[in-house]
Amino acid sequence: MYLIRDFELEKDKIGEFTGDEDLIMHNKKKYYVNSEEELFEKLKSENIDPGKFTSPWRCDYPL
C-alpha cells in the first residue's frame, strides 16, 4: 500500500516553522493506493510527473 500526501505550505512562513510544518499546511489531502500502477495513475490524474521522484517507491522512514 502507498500513501500520497498532498498539501500546500504558507511560503512566507516556511522559515519560521522548521519541523512544525503541520502548523502552516493548507489544502491537506491523503490518497491511498494499492499498487505501483495505481500510484502512477493517481499521480498523473493530479498532474504530477512521477519521473520527478526516485523509485523504487521506498524510504527508510521507520513506521
N, C-alpha and C. Protein backbone atom coordinates (compact mmCIF):
# COMPACT_ATOMS: atom_id res chain seq x y z
N MET A 1 0.84 -1.17 0.00
CA MET A 1 0.00 0.00 0.00
C MET A 1 0.89 1.24 0.00
N TYR A 2 0.44 2.25 -0.71
CA TYR A 2 1.16 3.52 -0.80
C TYR A 2 0.26 4.64 -0.27
N LEU A 3 0.89 5.63 0.32
CA LEU A 3 0.18 6.82 0.78
C LEU A 3 0.76 8.03 0.05
N ILE A 4 -0.12 8.82 -0.53
CA ILE A 4 0.28 10.07 -1.17
C ILE A 4 -0.26 11.20 -0.30
N ARG A 5 0.62 12.07 0.15
CA ARG A 5 0.20 13.26 0.91
C ARG A 5 0.34 14.47 0.02
N ASP A 6 -0.73 15.20 -0.12
CA ASP A 6 -0.79 16.38 -0.97
C ASP A 6 -1.18 17.56 -0.08
N PHE A 7 -0.34 18.59 -0.06
CA PHE A 7 -0.63 19.74 0.78
C PHE A 7 0.11 20.96 0.26
N GLU A 8 -0.29 22.11 0.75
CA GLU A 8 0.37 23.38 0.43
C GLU A 8 0.88 23.99 1.73
N LEU A 9 2.01 24.69 1.63
CA LEU A 9 2.58 25.39 2.79
C LEU A 9 2.52 26.89 2.55
N GLU A 10 2.35 27.64 3.63
CA GLU A 10 2.40 29.10 3.52
C GLU A 10 3.85 29.50 3.26
N LYS A 11 4.14 29.92 2.06
CA LYS A 11 5.50 30.21 1.62
C LYS A 11 6.21 31.22 2.54
N ASP A 12 5.52 32.26 2.94
CA ASP A 12 6.16 33.30 3.75
C ASP A 12 6.45 32.86 5.18
N LYS A 13 5.94 31.69 5.61
CA LYS A 13 6.18 31.23 6.97
C LYS A 13 7.05 29.98 7.05
N ILE A 14 7.52 29.48 5.92
CA ILE A 14 8.30 28.24 5.92
C ILE A 14 9.51 28.32 6.84
N GLY A 15 10.25 29.39 6.81
CA GLY A 15 11.44 29.55 7.64
C GLY A 15 11.15 29.58 9.13
N GLU A 16 9.98 30.00 9.51
CA GLU A 16 9.61 30.11 10.93
C GLU A 16 9.19 28.78 11.55
N PHE A 17 8.76 27.84 10.74
CA PHE A 17 8.16 26.62 11.26
C PHE A 17 8.93 25.36 10.88
N THR A 18 10.24 25.43 10.86
CA THR A 18 11.05 24.27 10.55
C THR A 18 10.78 23.17 11.57
N GLY A 19 10.31 22.03 11.10
CA GLY A 19 9.98 20.92 11.97
C GLY A 19 8.53 20.92 12.42
N ASP A 20 7.84 22.02 12.27
CA ASP A 20 6.43 22.13 12.65
C ASP A 20 5.58 22.53 11.44
N GLU A 21 5.91 21.99 10.28
CA GLU A 21 5.22 22.38 9.06
C GLU A 21 3.72 22.10 9.11
N ASP A 22 3.30 21.16 9.93
CA ASP A 22 1.87 20.87 10.05
C ASP A 22 1.07 22.12 10.43
N LEU A 23 1.71 23.05 11.12
CA LEU A 23 1.02 24.26 11.57
C LEU A 23 0.72 25.23 10.44
N ILE A 24 1.42 25.09 9.31
CA ILE A 24 1.21 26.02 8.20
C ILE A 24 0.73 25.30 6.93
N MET A 25 0.23 24.06 7.09
CA MET A 25 -0.29 23.31 5.94
C MET A 25 -1.73 23.71 5.63
N HIS A 26 -2.02 23.75 4.34
CA HIS A 26 -3.37 24.03 3.87
C HIS A 26 -3.72 23.03 2.77
N ASN A 27 -5.00 22.91 2.52
CA ASN A 27 -5.48 22.02 1.46
C ASN A 27 -4.89 20.62 1.58
N LYS A 28 -4.93 20.08 2.79
CA LYS A 28 -4.36 18.75 3.05
C LYS A 28 -5.25 17.66 2.47
N LYS A 29 -4.61 16.72 1.77
CA LYS A 29 -5.31 15.57 1.21
C LYS A 29 -4.42 14.34 1.36
N LYS A 30 -5.06 13.18 1.52
CA LYS A 30 -4.34 11.91 1.55
C LYS A 30 -5.01 10.97 0.56
N TYR A 31 -4.18 10.26 -0.17
CA TYR A 31 -4.68 9.26 -1.11
C TYR A 31 -3.96 7.95 -0.82
N TYR A 32 -4.72 6.88 -0.76
CA TYR A 32 -4.16 5.55 -0.56
C TYR A 32 -4.35 4.75 -1.84
N VAL A 33 -3.31 4.09 -2.29
CA VAL A 33 -3.39 3.23 -3.47
C VAL A 33 -2.74 1.89 -3.13
N ASN A 34 -3.13 0.86 -3.85
CA ASN A 34 -2.70 -0.49 -3.51
C ASN A 34 -1.58 -1.06 -4.37
N SER A 35 -1.24 -0.39 -5.44
CA SER A 35 -0.20 -0.93 -6.31
C SER A 35 0.59 0.22 -6.94
N GLU A 36 1.73 -0.13 -7.52
CA GLU A 36 2.52 0.88 -8.20
C GLU A 36 1.77 1.42 -9.41
N GLU A 37 1.01 0.56 -10.07
CA GLU A 37 0.20 1.01 -11.21
C GLU A 37 -0.81 2.06 -10.77
N GLU A 38 -1.52 1.82 -9.65
CA GLU A 38 -2.47 2.80 -9.13
C GLU A 38 -1.75 4.08 -8.70
N LEU A 39 -0.54 3.94 -8.18
CA LEU A 39 0.25 5.09 -7.76
C LEU A 39 0.53 6.00 -8.94
N PHE A 40 1.01 5.42 -10.04
CA PHE A 40 1.29 6.21 -11.24
C PHE A 40 0.02 6.84 -11.78
N GLU A 41 -1.08 6.10 -11.79
CA GLU A 41 -2.35 6.64 -12.29
C GLU A 41 -2.81 7.83 -11.45
N LYS A 42 -2.71 7.70 -10.13
CA LYS A 42 -3.15 8.79 -9.26
C LYS A 42 -2.28 10.02 -9.43
N LEU A 43 -0.97 9.83 -9.48
CA LEU A 43 -0.07 10.97 -9.68
C LEU A 43 -0.39 11.68 -10.99
N LYS A 44 -0.57 10.91 -12.04
CA LYS A 44 -0.88 11.51 -13.34
C LYS A 44 -2.22 12.23 -13.31
N SER A 45 -3.21 11.68 -12.60
CA SER A 45 -4.53 12.33 -12.53
C SER A 45 -4.47 13.65 -11.77
N GLU A 46 -3.45 13.81 -10.92
CA GLU A 46 -3.25 15.06 -10.18
C GLU A 46 -2.23 15.97 -10.88
N ASN A 47 -1.89 15.64 -12.12
CA ASN A 47 -0.91 16.40 -12.92
C ASN A 47 0.46 16.48 -12.25
N ILE A 48 0.87 15.35 -11.66
CA ILE A 48 2.19 15.26 -11.03
C ILE A 48 3.02 14.30 -11.85
N ASP A 49 4.21 14.71 -12.24
CA ASP A 49 5.11 13.89 -13.05
C ASP A 49 5.81 12.88 -12.16
N PRO A 50 5.49 11.58 -12.26
CA PRO A 50 6.15 10.57 -11.43
C PRO A 50 7.66 10.50 -11.66
N GLY A 51 8.12 10.97 -12.81
CA GLY A 51 9.54 10.97 -13.12
C GLY A 51 10.36 11.89 -12.22
N LYS A 52 9.71 12.77 -11.49
CA LYS A 52 10.42 13.68 -10.59
C LYS A 52 10.75 13.05 -9.25
N PHE A 53 10.29 11.80 -9.05
CA PHE A 53 10.53 11.09 -7.80
C PHE A 53 11.53 9.97 -8.03
N THR A 54 12.20 9.57 -6.97
CA THR A 54 13.12 8.45 -7.03
C THR A 54 12.34 7.17 -6.81
N SER A 55 12.51 6.22 -7.70
CA SER A 55 11.88 4.92 -7.48
C SER A 55 12.98 3.87 -7.38
N PRO A 56 12.80 2.75 -6.77
CA PRO A 56 11.51 2.28 -6.30
C PRO A 56 10.98 3.15 -5.18
N TRP A 57 9.68 3.07 -4.98
CA TRP A 57 8.96 3.94 -4.04
C TRP A 57 9.14 3.46 -2.62
N ARG A 58 10.33 3.61 -2.13
CA ARG A 58 10.62 3.18 -0.76
C ARG A 58 11.37 4.28 -0.04
N CYS A 59 11.30 4.22 1.26
CA CYS A 59 12.10 5.13 2.08
C CYS A 59 12.51 4.39 3.34
N ASP A 60 13.47 4.91 4.04
CA ASP A 60 13.95 4.27 5.27
C ASP A 60 13.26 4.81 6.50
N TYR A 61 12.19 5.58 6.31
CA TYR A 61 11.49 6.16 7.44
C TYR A 61 10.85 5.05 8.26
N PRO A 62 11.18 4.98 9.54
CA PRO A 62 10.60 3.88 10.35
C PRO A 62 9.13 4.13 10.65
N LEU A 63 8.32 3.13 10.38
CA LEU A 63 6.89 3.23 10.66
C LEU A 63 6.52 2.32 11.79
